C-alpha atoms as a PDB file:
ATOM      1  CA  MET A   1     101.322 128.126  95.457  1.00  0.00           C
ATOM      2  CA  ASP A   2     104.687 127.276  94.635  1.00  0.00           C
ATOM      3  CA  CYS A   3     104.223 123.530  93.789  1.00  0.00           C
ATOM      4  CA  SER A   4     101.448 121.233  92.671  1.00  0.00           C
ATOM      5  CA  ILE A   5     102.363 117.245  92.598  1.00  0.00           C
ATOM      6  CA  LEU A   6      99.885 115.425  90.325  1.00  0.00           C
ATOM      7  CA  LEU A   7      99.647 111.826  89.912  1.00  0.00           C
ATOM      8  CA  ALA A   8      97.065 109.262  88.656  1.00  0.00           C
ATOM      9  CA  THR A   9      96.132 106.149  90.210  1.00  0.00           C
ATOM     10  CA  ARG A  10      93.622 103.001  90.030  1.00  0.00           C
ATOM     11  CA  ASP A  11      93.719  99.861  92.243  1.00  0.00           C
ATOM     12  CA  ARG A  12      96.889 100.381  93.639  1.00  0.00           C
ATOM     13  CA  ALA A  13      96.000 101.321  97.324  1.00  0.00           C
ATOM     14  CA  SER A  14      99.063  99.697  99.181  1.00  0.00           C
ATOM     15  CA  SER A  15     101.269 101.101  96.199  1.00  0.00           C
ATOM     16  CA  LEU A  16      99.547 104.473  96.467  1.00  0.00           C
ATOM     17  CA  ASP A  17      99.852 104.537 100.377  1.00  0.00           C
ATOM     18  CA  ARG A  18     103.447 104.099 100.079  1.00  0.00           C
ATOM     19  CA  THR A  19     104.097 106.925  97.616  1.00  0.00           C
ATOM     20  CA  LEU A  20     102.041 109.402  99.929  1.00  0.00           C
ATOM     21  CA  ALA A  21     104.143 108.372 102.657  1.00  0.00           C
ATOM     22  CA  SER A  22     107.102 109.245 100.997  1.00  0.00           C
ATOM     23  CA  ILE A  23     105.767 112.559  99.751  1.00  0.00           C
ATOM     24  CA  ALA A  24     104.611 113.419 103.242  1.00  0.00           C
ATOM     25  CA  ALA A  25     107.949 112.716 104.501  1.00  0.00           C
ATOM     26  CA  GLN A  26     109.524 115.465 102.570  1.00  0.00           C
ATOM     27  CA  THR A  27     110.752 118.497 104.224  1.00  0.00           C
ATOM     28  CA  ALA A  28     110.076 121.797 101.526  1.00  0.00           C
ATOM     29  CA  ASN A  29     111.038 124.903 104.205  1.00  0.00           C
ATOM     30  CA  GLY A  30     109.491 127.852 102.858  1.00  0.00           C
ATOM     31  CA  ILE A  31     107.642 126.042  99.707  1.00  0.00           C
ATOM     32  CA  ARG A  32     103.899 125.992  99.733  1.00  0.00           C
ATOM     33  CA  TRP A  33     103.178 122.590  97.804  1.00  0.00           C
ATOM     34  CA  GLU A  34      99.758 120.482  97.889  1.00  0.00           C
ATOM     35  CA  VAL A  35      99.348 116.916  96.103  1.00  0.00           C
ATOM     36  CA  LEU A  36      96.254 116.386  93.671  1.00  0.00           C
ATOM     37  CA  VAL A  37      95.313 112.667  93.043  1.00  0.00           C
ATOM     38  CA  ALA A  38      93.033 111.380  90.105  1.00  0.00           C
ATOM     39  CA  ASP A  39      91.523 108.240  90.974  1.00  0.00           C
ATOM     40  CA  ASN A  40      90.831 106.545  87.608  1.00  0.00           C
ATOM     41  CA  GLY A  41      87.749 104.319  88.862  1.00  0.00           C
ATOM     42  CA  SER A  42      89.369 102.510  91.588  1.00  0.00           C
ATOM     43  CA  ALA A  43      87.579  99.338  93.070  1.00  0.00           C
ATOM     44  CA  ASP A  44      89.809  98.786  96.111  1.00  0.00           C
ATOM     45  CA  ASP A  45      90.843 100.677  99.226  1.00  0.00           C
ATOM     46  CA  THR A  46      91.997 103.489  97.295  1.00  0.00           C
ATOM     47  CA  PRO A  47      89.383 105.926  98.820  1.00  0.00           C
ATOM     48  CA  THR A  48      90.721 104.871 102.412  1.00  0.00           C
ATOM     49  CA  VAL A  49      94.047 105.644 101.535  1.00  0.00           C
ATOM     50  CA  LEU A  50      93.283 109.216 100.459  1.00  0.00           C
ATOM     51  CA  GLN A  51      90.943 109.968 103.421  1.00  0.00           C
ATOM     52  CA  HIS A  52      93.928 109.087 105.447  1.00  0.00           C
ATOM     53  CA  TRP A  53      96.563 110.990 104.044  1.00  0.00           C
ATOM     54  CA  ALA A  54      93.991 114.227 103.524  1.00  0.00           C
ATOM     55  CA  GLY A  55      94.795 114.862 107.281  1.00  0.00           C
ATOM     56  CA  ARG A  56      98.448 114.614 107.227  1.00  0.00           C
ATOM     57  CA  VAL A  57      99.316 116.354 103.856  1.00  0.00           C
ATOM     58  CA  PRO A  58      97.615 119.272 101.850  1.00  0.00           C
ATOM     59  CA  LEU A  59      95.779 116.512  99.719  1.00  0.00           C
ATOM     60  CA  ARG A  60      93.085 116.944  97.366  1.00  0.00           C
ATOM     61  CA  TRP A  61      91.453 114.498  94.813  1.00  0.00           C
ATOM     62  CA  ALA A  62      88.879 113.947  92.168  1.00  0.00           C
ATOM     63  CA  VAL A  63      87.282 110.830  90.548  1.00  0.00           C
ATOM     64  CA  GLU A  64      87.684 110.327  86.621  1.00  0.00           C
ATOM     65  CA  THR A  65      85.561 107.167  85.661  1.00  0.00           C
ATOM     66  CA  GLU A  66      86.321 106.666  82.100  1.00  0.00           C
ATOM     67  CA  PRO A  67      89.832 104.412  81.890  1.00  0.00           C
ATOM     68  CA  GLY A  68      92.553 106.428  80.896  1.00  0.00           C
ATOM     69  CA  LYS A  69      95.832 107.697  82.943  1.00  0.00           C
ATOM     70  CA  ASN A  70      96.219 110.826  80.633  1.00  0.00           C
ATOM     71  CA  ARG A  71      92.141 111.665  81.035  1.00  0.00           C
ATOM     72  CA  ALA A  72      92.939 111.286  84.715  1.00  0.00           C
ATOM     73  CA  LEU A  73      95.412 113.657  84.998  1.00  0.00           C
ATOM     74  CA  ASN A  74      93.660 116.244  82.587  1.00  0.00           C
ATOM     75  CA  ARG A  75      90.775 116.043  85.289  1.00  0.00           C
ATOM     76  CA  ILE A  76      93.045 117.232  87.768  1.00  0.00           C
ATOM     77  CA  LEU A  77      95.233 119.916  85.783  1.00  0.00           C
ATOM     78  CA  GLY A  78      92.490 122.668  86.108  1.00  0.00           C
ATOM     79  CA  MET A  79      92.556 122.038  90.028  1.00  0.00           C
ATOM     80  CA  ALA A  80      96.261 122.691  90.080  1.00  0.00           C
ATOM     81  CA  GLU A  81      97.469 126.363  92.000  1.00  0.00           C
ATOM     82  CA  GLY A  82     101.090 125.611  91.861  1.00  0.00           C
ATOM     83  CA  ARG A  83     103.412 127.674  89.549  1.00  0.00           C
ATOM     84  CA  LEU A  84     105.340 124.289  89.075  1.00  0.00           C
ATOM     85  CA  LEU A  85     103.387 121.184  88.123  1.00  0.00           C
ATOM     86  CA  VAL A  86     105.483 118.083  89.320  1.00  0.00           C
ATOM     87  CA  PHE A  87     104.010 115.020  87.713  1.00  0.00           C
ATOM     88  CA  THR A  88     105.161 111.380  89.478  1.00  0.00           C
ATOM     89  CA  ASP A  89     103.422 107.732  89.643  1.00  0.00           C
ATOM     90  CA  ASP A  90     101.851 106.059  92.475  1.00  0.00           C
ATOM     91  CA  ASP A  91     104.118 103.419  92.592  1.00  0.00           C
ATOM     92  CA  VAL A  92     107.233 105.619  93.452  1.00  0.00           C
ATOM     93  CA  VAL A  93     109.187 106.276  96.662  1.00  0.00           C
ATOM     94  CA  VAL A  94     110.430 109.916  96.475  1.00  0.00           C
ATOM     95  CA  ALA A  95     113.937 110.535  97.861  1.00  0.00           C
ATOM     96  CA  PRO A  96     114.515 113.274 100.761  1.00  0.00           C
ATOM     97  CA  GLY A  97     114.553 116.873  99.294  1.00  0.00           C
ATOM     98  CA  TRP A  98     112.644 115.813  96.188  1.00  0.00           C
ATOM     99  CA  ILE A  99     110.411 119.137  96.478  1.00  0.00           C
ATOM    100  CA  GLU A 100     113.138 121.257  97.256  1.00  0.00           C
ATOM    101  CA  SER A 101     115.157 119.890  94.558  1.00  0.00           C
ATOM    102  CA  HIS A 102     112.764 120.677  91.593  1.00  0.00           C
ATOM    103  CA  CYS A 103     111.665 123.884  92.880  1.00  0.00           C
ATOM    104  CA  ALA A 104     115.248 125.629  93.361  1.00  0.00           C
ATOM    105  CA  ALA A 105     115.908 123.952  89.726  1.00  0.00           C
ATOM    106  CA  ALA A 106     113.006 126.060  88.581  1.00  0.00           C
ATOM    107  CA  ALA A 107     114.654 129.365  90.358  1.00  0.00           C
ATOM    108  CA  ARG A 108     118.259 128.464  89.008  1.00  0.00           C
ATOM    109  CA  TRP A 109     116.901 127.471  85.296  1.00  0.00           C
ATOM    110  CA  PRO A 110     114.446 130.167  84.086  1.00  0.00           C
ATOM    111  CA  SER A 111     114.809 129.774  80.806  1.00  0.00           C
ATOM    112  CA  CYS A 112     113.642 126.092  80.915  1.00  0.00           C
ATOM    113  CA  ASP A 113     110.123 125.062  81.558  1.00  0.00           C
ATOM    114  CA  ILE A 114     110.575 121.108  81.697  1.00  0.00           C
ATOM    115  CA  LEU A 115     112.498 119.506  84.529  1.00  0.00           C
ATOM    116  CA  ALA A 116     113.826 116.370  84.509  1.00  0.00           C
ATOM    117  CA  GLY A 117     114.278 114.173  87.596  1.00  0.00           C
ATOM    118  CA  VAL A 118     116.203 110.900  88.033  1.00  0.00           C
ATOM    119  CA  ILE A 119     114.323 107.637  88.164  1.00  0.00           C
ATOM    120  CA  ARG A 120     116.052 104.487  89.546  1.00  0.00           C
ATOM    121  CA  PRO A 121     114.280 101.199  89.618  1.00  0.00           C
ATOM    122  CA  ARG A 122     113.821  99.352  92.953  1.00  0.00           C
ATOM    123  CA  PHE A 123     114.138  95.720  92.107  1.00  0.00           C
ATOM    124  CA  PRO A 124     112.645  92.837  94.247  1.00  0.00           C
ATOM    125  CA  ALA A 125     115.452  90.543  95.811  1.00  0.00           C
ATOM    126  CA  GLY A 126     116.633  87.887  93.217  1.00  0.00           C
ATOM    127  CA  ALA A 127     115.857  90.078  90.172  1.00  0.00           C
ATOM    128  CA  PRO A 128     117.558  88.630  86.915  1.00  0.00           C
ATOM    129  CA  ALA A 129     120.629  90.281  85.337  1.00  0.00           C
ATOM    130  CA  TRP A 130     118.787  91.063  82.065  1.00  0.00           C
ATOM    131  CA  THR A 131     116.849  93.854  84.033  1.00  0.00           C
ATOM    132  CA  GLY A 132     119.984  96.089  84.393  1.00  0.00           C
ATOM    133  CA  HIS A 133     120.420  96.294  80.468  1.00  0.00           C
ATOM    134  CA  GLU A 134     118.676  98.258  77.635  1.00  0.00           C
ATOM    135  CA  PRO A 135     116.458  98.470  76.416  1.00  0.00           C
ATOM    136  CA  PHE A 136     114.618  96.818  79.806  1.00  0.00           C
ATOM    137  CA  ARG A 137     116.152  99.346  82.109  1.00  0.00           C
ATOM    138  CA  SER A 138     114.556 102.185  80.662  1.00  0.00           C
ATOM    139  CA  VAL A 139     111.492 100.941  78.396  1.00  0.00           C
ATOM    140  CA  LEU A 140     110.342  98.532  80.916  1.00  0.00           C
ATOM    141  CA  PHE A 141     111.210  99.971  84.144  1.00  0.00           C
ATOM    142  CA  ALA A 142     111.269 103.870  83.807  1.00  0.00           C
ATOM    143  CA  ALA A 143     115.135 104.230  84.548  1.00  0.00           C
ATOM    144  CA  TYR A 144     116.344 107.930  83.818  1.00  0.00           C
ATOM    145  CA  GLU A 145     119.498 109.233  85.024  1.00  0.00           C
ATOM    146  CA  HIS A 146     122.234 110.823  83.312  1.00  0.00           C
ATOM    147  CA  GLU A 147     126.276 111.906  83.868  1.00  0.00           C
ATOM    148  CA  GLY A 148     127.030 115.360  84.318  1.00  0.00           C
ATOM    149  CA  ASP A 149     125.423 118.566  86.685  1.00  0.00           C
ATOM    150  CA  GLU A 150     122.304 120.025  86.715  1.00  0.00           C
ATOM    151  CA  GLY A 151     121.474 122.059  83.618  1.00  0.00           C
ATOM    152  CA  PRO A 152     119.959 122.031  79.977  1.00  0.00           C
ATOM    153  CA  ILE A 153     119.580 118.782  78.484  1.00  0.00           C
ATOM    154  CA  GLU A 154     118.224 117.530  75.130  1.00  0.00           C
ATOM    155  CA  HIS A 155     116.842 114.342  76.646  1.00  0.00           C
ATOM    156  CA  LEU A 156     113.111 114.496  77.619  1.00  0.00           C
ATOM    157  CA  PRO A 157     112.083 113.005  80.725  1.00  0.00           C
ATOM    158  CA  PHE A 158     109.833 109.896  81.841  1.00  0.00           C
ATOM    159  CA  GLY A 159     106.660 109.798  83.686  1.00  0.00           C
ATOM    160  CA  PRO A 160     107.445 108.985  87.121  1.00  0.00           C
ATOM    161  CA  ASN A 161     109.480 112.253  87.551  1.00  0.00           C
ATOM    162  CA  TYR A 162     109.305 115.545  85.985  1.00  0.00           C
ATOM    163  CA  ALA A 163     107.729 119.225  86.362  1.00  0.00           C
ATOM    164  CA  ILE A 164     106.541 121.830  83.892  1.00  0.00           C
ATOM    165  CA  ARG A 165     105.844 125.481  84.778  1.00  0.00           C
ATOM    166  CA  SER A 166     102.307 125.960  84.593  1.00  0.00           C
ATOM    167  CA  LEU A 167     102.774 128.971  82.592  1.00  0.00           C
ATOM    168  CA  ALA A 168     104.325 126.828  79.734  1.00  0.00           C
ATOM    169  CA  LEU A 169     101.584 124.328  79.948  1.00  0.00           C
ATOM    170  CA  GLY A 170      98.964 127.016  79.471  1.00  0.00           C
ATOM    171  CA  ALA A 171      95.787 125.169  78.142  1.00  0.00           C
ATOM    172  CA  GLU A 172      97.661 122.468  76.940  1.00  0.00           C
ATOM    173  CA  THR A 173      96.099 118.610  78.044  1.00  0.00           C
ATOM    174  CA  PHE A 174      97.304 115.108  77.659  1.00  0.00           C
ATOM    175  CA  ASP A 175      96.234 113.100  74.502  1.00  0.00           C
ATOM    176  CA  GLY A 176      93.696 110.828  75.924  1.00  0.00           C
ATOM    177  CA  ARG A 177      94.517 108.603  72.701  1.00  0.00           C
ATOM    178  CA  VAL A 178      97.823 107.602  74.358  1.00  0.00           C
ATOM    179  CA  GLY A 179      99.243 106.419  77.430  1.00  0.00           C
ATOM    180  CA  PRO A 180      97.599 103.578  80.082  1.00  0.00           C
ATOM    181  CA  ASN A 181      93.852 102.840  79.434  1.00  0.00           C
ATOM    182  CA  GLY A 182      93.049  99.439  81.265  1.00  0.00           C
ATOM    183  CA  SER A 183      93.670  97.522  77.634  1.00  0.00           C
ATOM    184  CA  GLU A 184      95.845  97.615  75.144  1.00  0.00           C
ATOM    185  CA  TYR A 185      97.365 101.026  74.202  1.00  0.00           C
ATOM    186  CA  ALA A 186      99.885 103.194  72.706  1.00  0.00           C
ATOM    187  CA  MET A 187     102.716 103.860  75.333  1.00  0.00           C
ATOM    188  CA  GLY A 188     103.969 107.787  75.477  1.00  0.00           C
ATOM    189  CA  GLY A 189     101.355 109.710  77.306  1.00  0.00           C
ATOM    190  CA  GLU A 190     103.736 112.210  78.801  1.00  0.00           C
ATOM    191  CA  THR A 191     106.333 112.303  75.753  1.00  0.00           C
ATOM    192  CA  GLU A 192     103.432 113.392  73.379  1.00  0.00           C
ATOM    193  CA  LEU A 193     102.649 116.221  75.536  1.00  0.00           C
ATOM    194  CA  LEU A 194     106.213 117.232  76.101  1.00  0.00           C
ATOM    195  CA  ARG A 195     106.951 117.106  72.541  1.00  0.00           C
ATOM    196  CA  ARG A 196     104.173 119.444  71.854  1.00  0.00           C
ATOM    197  CA  LEU A 197     105.774 121.951  74.495  1.00  0.00           C
ATOM    198  CA  ARG A 198     109.519 121.420  73.030  1.00  0.00           C
ATOM    199  CA  ALA A 199     108.095 122.433  69.461  1.00  0.00           C
ATOM    200  CA  ARG A 200     106.805 125.498  71.004  1.00  0.00           C
ATOM    201  CA  GLY A 201     110.654 126.180  72.035  1.00  0.00           C
ATOM    202  CA  ALA A 202     110.313 124.583  75.563  1.00  0.00           C
ATOM    203  CA  GLN A 203     113.751 123.870  76.910  1.00  0.00           C
ATOM    204  CA  THR A 204     114.704 121.199  79.487  1.00  0.00           C
ATOM    205  CA  ALA A 205     117.145 121.040  82.720  1.00  0.00           C
ATOM    206  CA  TYR A 206     118.218 117.820  84.130  1.00  0.00           C
ATOM    207  CA  VAL A 207     117.851 117.814  87.941  1.00  0.00           C
ATOM    208  CA  PRO A 208     119.879 115.432  89.595  1.00  0.00           C
ATOM    209  CA  GLY A 209     118.787 116.152  93.216  1.00  0.00           C
ATOM    210  CA  ALA A 210     115.384 115.090  92.392  1.00  0.00           C
ATOM    211  CA  VAL A 211     115.179 111.518  92.711  1.00  0.00           C
ATOM    212  CA  VAL A 212     112.497 108.781  92.812  1.00  0.00           C
ATOM    213  CA  GLU A 213     112.894 104.835  93.188  1.00  0.00           C
ATOM    214  CA  HIS A 214     110.225 103.234  90.704  1.00  0.00           C
ATOM    215  CA  VAL A 215     108.955 100.148  92.709  1.00  0.00           C
ATOM    216  CA  ILE A 216     109.265  97.233  90.385  1.00  0.00           C
ATOM    217  CA  ARG A 217     106.644  94.508  90.906  1.00  0.00           C
ATOM    218  CA  ARG A 218     107.464  90.616  90.584  1.00  0.00           C
ATOM    219  CA  GLU A 219     105.213  90.049  87.886  1.00  0.00           C
ATOM    220  CA  GLN A 220     107.275  92.976  85.953  1.00  0.00           C
ATOM    221  CA  LEU A 221     110.265  90.477  85.614  1.00  0.00           C
ATOM    222  CA  ARG A 222     108.348  88.156  83.623  1.00  0.00           C
ATOM    223  CA  GLU A 223     108.632  87.341  80.104  1.00  0.00           C
ATOM    224  CA  GLU A 224     105.076  87.900  79.258  1.00  0.00           C
ATOM    225  CA  PHE A 225     105.459  91.289  80.630  1.00  0.00           C
ATOM    226  CA  VAL A 226     108.273  91.982  78.536  1.00  0.00           C
ATOM    227  CA  VAL A 227     106.459  91.094  75.352  1.00  0.00           C
ATOM    228  CA  ALA A 228     103.413  93.141  76.415  1.00  0.00           C
ATOM    229  CA  ARG A 229     105.362  95.951  77.172  1.00  0.00           C
ATOM    230  CA  ALA A 230     107.194  95.986  73.913  1.00  0.00           C
ATOM    231  CA  ALA A 231     103.477  95.551  71.927  1.00  0.00           C
ATOM    232  CA  ARG A 232     102.619  98.905  73.823  1.00  0.00           C
ATOM    233  CA  PHE A 233     106.040 100.102  72.959  1.00  0.00           C
ATOM    234  CA  GLY A 234     105.492  99.772  69.130  1.00  0.00           C
ATOM    235  CA  ARG A 235     102.438 101.090  69.449  1.00  0.00           C
ATOM    236  CA  GLY A 236     103.369 104.147  70.938  1.00  0.00           C
ATOM    237  CA  LEU A 237     106.115 104.666  68.258  1.00  0.00           C
ATOM    238  CA  VAL A 238     103.204 104.983  65.690  1.00  0.00           C
ATOM    239  CA  ARG A 239     101.302 107.577  67.958  1.00  0.00           C
ATOM    240  CA  LEU A 240     104.365 109.639  68.497  1.00  0.00           C
ATOM    241  CA  GLY A 241     105.338 109.819  64.738  1.00  0.00           C
ATOM    242  CA  ASP A 242     108.468 107.670  65.098  1.00  0.00           C
ATOM    243  CA  VAL A 243     107.223 105.407  62.376  1.00  0.00           C
ATOM    244  CA  GLU A 244     107.496 106.787  58.657  1.00  0.00           C
ATOM    245  CA  TRP A 245     104.463 106.804  56.765  1.00  0.00           C
ATOM    246  CA  SER A 246     104.393 105.560  53.662  1.00  0.00           C
ATOM    247  CA  PRO A 247     101.710 105.166  50.638  1.00  0.00           C
ATOM    248  CA  HIS A 248     102.620 101.885  50.103  1.00  0.00           C
ATOM    249  CA  ARG A 249     100.522  99.635  52.188  1.00  0.00           C
ATOM    250  CA  LEU A 250      99.676  96.013  52.953  1.00  0.00           C
ATOM    251  CA  PHE A 251      96.683  95.174  55.024  1.00  0.00           C
ATOM    252  CA  GLY A 252      96.528  98.793  56.353  1.00  0.00           C
ATOM    253  CA  VAL A 253     100.311  98.401  57.443  1.00  0.00           C
ATOM    254  CA  PRO A 254     103.240 100.353  55.702  1.00  0.00           C
ATOM    255  CA  ARG A 255     104.871  97.334  53.446  1.00  0.00           C
ATOM    256  CA  TYR A 256     108.440  98.256  55.247  1.00  0.00           C
ATOM    257  CA  LEU A 257     107.332  96.779  58.568  1.00  0.00           C
ATOM    258  CA  VAL A 258     106.697  93.608  56.985  1.00  0.00           C
ATOM    259  CA  ARG A 259     110.175  93.486  56.212  1.00  0.00           C
ATOM    260  CA  GLU A 260     111.260  94.633  59.583  1.00  0.00           C
ATOM    261  CA  LEU A 261     109.177  92.024  60.953  1.00  0.00           C
ATOM    262  CA  ALA A 262     110.682  89.018  58.847  1.00  0.00           C
ATOM    263  CA  GLU A 263     114.221  90.819  59.760  1.00  0.00           C
ATOM    264  CA  ALA A 264     112.921  90.696  63.305  1.00  0.00           C
ATOM    265  CA  TRP A 265     111.860  87.166  63.125  1.00  0.00           C
ATOM    266  CA  LEU A 266     115.077  85.728  61.817  1.00  0.00           C
ATOM    267  CA  ARG A 267     116.845  87.483  64.666  1.00  0.00           C
ATOM    268  CA  ARG A 268     114.646  85.874  67.110  1.00  0.00           C
ATOM    269  CA  ALA A 269     115.156  82.468  65.773  1.00  0.00           C
ATOM    270  CA  GLY A 270     119.404  82.973  66.033  1.00  0.00           C
ATOM    271  CA  ALA A 271     118.833  84.143  69.500  1.00  0.00           C
ATOM    272  CA  GLN A 272     116.573  81.427  70.672  1.00  0.00           C
ATOM    273  CA  LEU A 273     119.438  78.797  69.302  1.00  0.00           C
ATOM    274  CA  ARG A 274     122.255  80.440  70.852  1.00  0.00           C
ATOM    275  CA  GLY A 275     120.583  80.454  74.405  1.00  0.00           C
ATOM    276  CA  SER A 276     121.667  83.522  76.072  1.00  0.00           C
ATOM    277  CA  THR A 277     118.653  84.988  78.044  1.00  0.00           C
ATOM    278  CA  LEU A 278     119.830  88.675  77.507  1.00  0.00           C
ATOM    279  CA  ASP A 279     120.072  88.211  73.316  1.00  0.00           C
ATOM    280  CA  ARG A 280     117.073  86.048  73.399  1.00  0.00           C
ATOM    281  CA  LEU A 281     114.602  88.777  75.310  1.00  0.00           C
ATOM    282  CA  ARG A 282     116.596  91.546  73.202  1.00  0.00           C
ATOM    283  CA  ALA A 283     115.232  89.752  69.745  1.00  0.00           C
ATOM    284  CA  GLU A 284     111.679  89.133  71.364  1.00  0.00           C
ATOM    285  CA  PHE A 285     111.452  92.733  72.118  1.00  0.00           C
ATOM    286  CA  VAL A 286     112.163  94.069  69.005  1.00  0.00           C
ATOM    287  CA  TYR A 287     110.096  91.488  67.350  1.00  0.00           C
ATOM    288  CA  HIS A 288     106.871  92.312  69.599  1.00  0.00           C
ATOM    289  CA  THR A 289     107.748  95.858  69.146  1.00  0.00           C
ATOM    290  CA  VAL A 290     107.403  95.835  65.228  1.00  0.00           C
ATOM    291  CA  LEU A 291     104.174  93.510  65.703  1.00  0.00           C
ATOM    292  CA  GLY A 292     102.889  96.270  68.018  1.00  0.00           C
ATOM    293  CA  SER A 293     103.534  99.092  65.467  1.00  0.00           C
ATOM    294  CA  MET A 294     101.642  96.878  63.004  1.00  0.00           C
ATOM    295  CA  SER A 295      98.450  96.262  65.055  1.00  0.00           C
ATOM    296  CA  GLU A 296      98.464 100.303  65.666  1.00  0.00           C
ATOM    297  CA  CYS A 297      98.988 101.059  62.118  1.00  0.00           C
ATOM    298  CA  ARG A 298      95.680  98.619  61.477  1.00  0.00           C
ATOM    299  CA  ASP A 299      93.917  99.621  64.321  1.00  0.00           C
ATOM    300  CA  SER A 300      94.111 103.451  63.936  1.00  0.00           C
ATOM    301  CA  GLY A 301      95.035 104.099  60.408  1.00  0.00           C
ATOM    302  CA  TRP A 302      98.229 105.839  61.261  1.00  0.00           C
ATOM    303  CA  PRO A 303     100.775 106.985  60.602  1.00  0.00           C
ATOM    304  CA  LEU A 304      99.064 109.939  58.831  1.00  0.00           C
ATOM    305  CA  PRO A 305     100.679 112.103  55.636  1.00  0.00           C
ATOM    306  CA  PRO A 306     102.749 113.912  55.031  1.00  0.00           C
ATOM    307  CA  ALA A 307     105.649 111.638  55.586  1.00  0.00           C
ATOM    308  CA  ASN A 308     108.067 114.168  57.789  1.00  0.00           C
ATOM    309  CA  ALA A 309     107.794 112.676  60.877  1.00  0.00           C
ATOM    310  CA  ALA A 310     110.892 111.921  62.937  1.00  0.00           C
ATOM    311  CA  PHE A 311     112.082 108.315  62.008  1.00  0.00           C
ATOM    312  CA  ALA A 312     114.555 105.702  62.971  1.00  0.00           C
ATOM    313  CA  PRO A 313     114.164 102.014  62.216  1.00  0.00           C
ATOM    314  CA  ILE A 314     112.811 100.298  65.313  1.00  0.00           C
ATOM    315  CA  PRO A 315     115.738  97.877  65.849  1.00  0.00           C
ATOM    316  CA  GLU A 316     118.273 100.848  66.124  1.00  0.00           C
ATOM    317  CA  MET A 317     116.278 103.037  68.421  1.00  0.00           C
ATOM    318  CA  ILE A 318     116.509 100.323  71.086  1.00  0.00           C
ATOM    319  CA  ALA A 319     119.460  98.310  70.257  1.00  0.00           C
END
């Protein structure tokens, strides 16, 4: 098998149907491929959708009842027969040539074990202007696209569109403590795994020809979603080692985070007075990112010593 496409799903039958329809429309001449779906305990029509597409594409699936996207992906990793493992999500539409582009790039860049495809958000009509700015475009909507041609790149890819050579992955699996799990969680499920692979010497190639559209739901344009996503992003910074350990803690939280929270609150108050929607939401995002990091520190006891993790102050990371 040349290529295995892996995705996890939970209670998104109509979205999954759209994703599988776009995969079924692929023309991948000379490439043997399969689709593996992990049903993470869906209670909707997901089984019916899977049955429908099983007769149209080389599809297999498994059920993982314990909540957690990473746990679900681990459930199907052992089923994959492809030399190239292509990961996507149940809320994307893959562009024509997606499979061929990933496989061709893998052949052209044999020294690169990770392939990073393009992710373009597909917004509903009337999406507000702030959605096109950072940090929202990347952190909220998973946009990933770079200038330049295909080839080695330093940036690690995001969840809806990346590939790993199965030989490079070896016995590694996703960390079930990070990523979506049905409640509050630390973001960064695929990033944690990809960083482990990079620490072992894996290099990344950018594949501009492998494109997916990430379909954005209207509820993701609400301020409540921005706040919740910021908190999960902040939790993820702790779990990924991007928040510095300190022996000086206050109620289980590194004291410098308390200072950062106060500074973020002042910027938030100033932005609310100025009235710019973009500035206000950016300030809200930073404020709730710090709050999320503090919550993760209290709940998990992280970050742990030694204090040698890569670190950048939270406001600078998402400015």
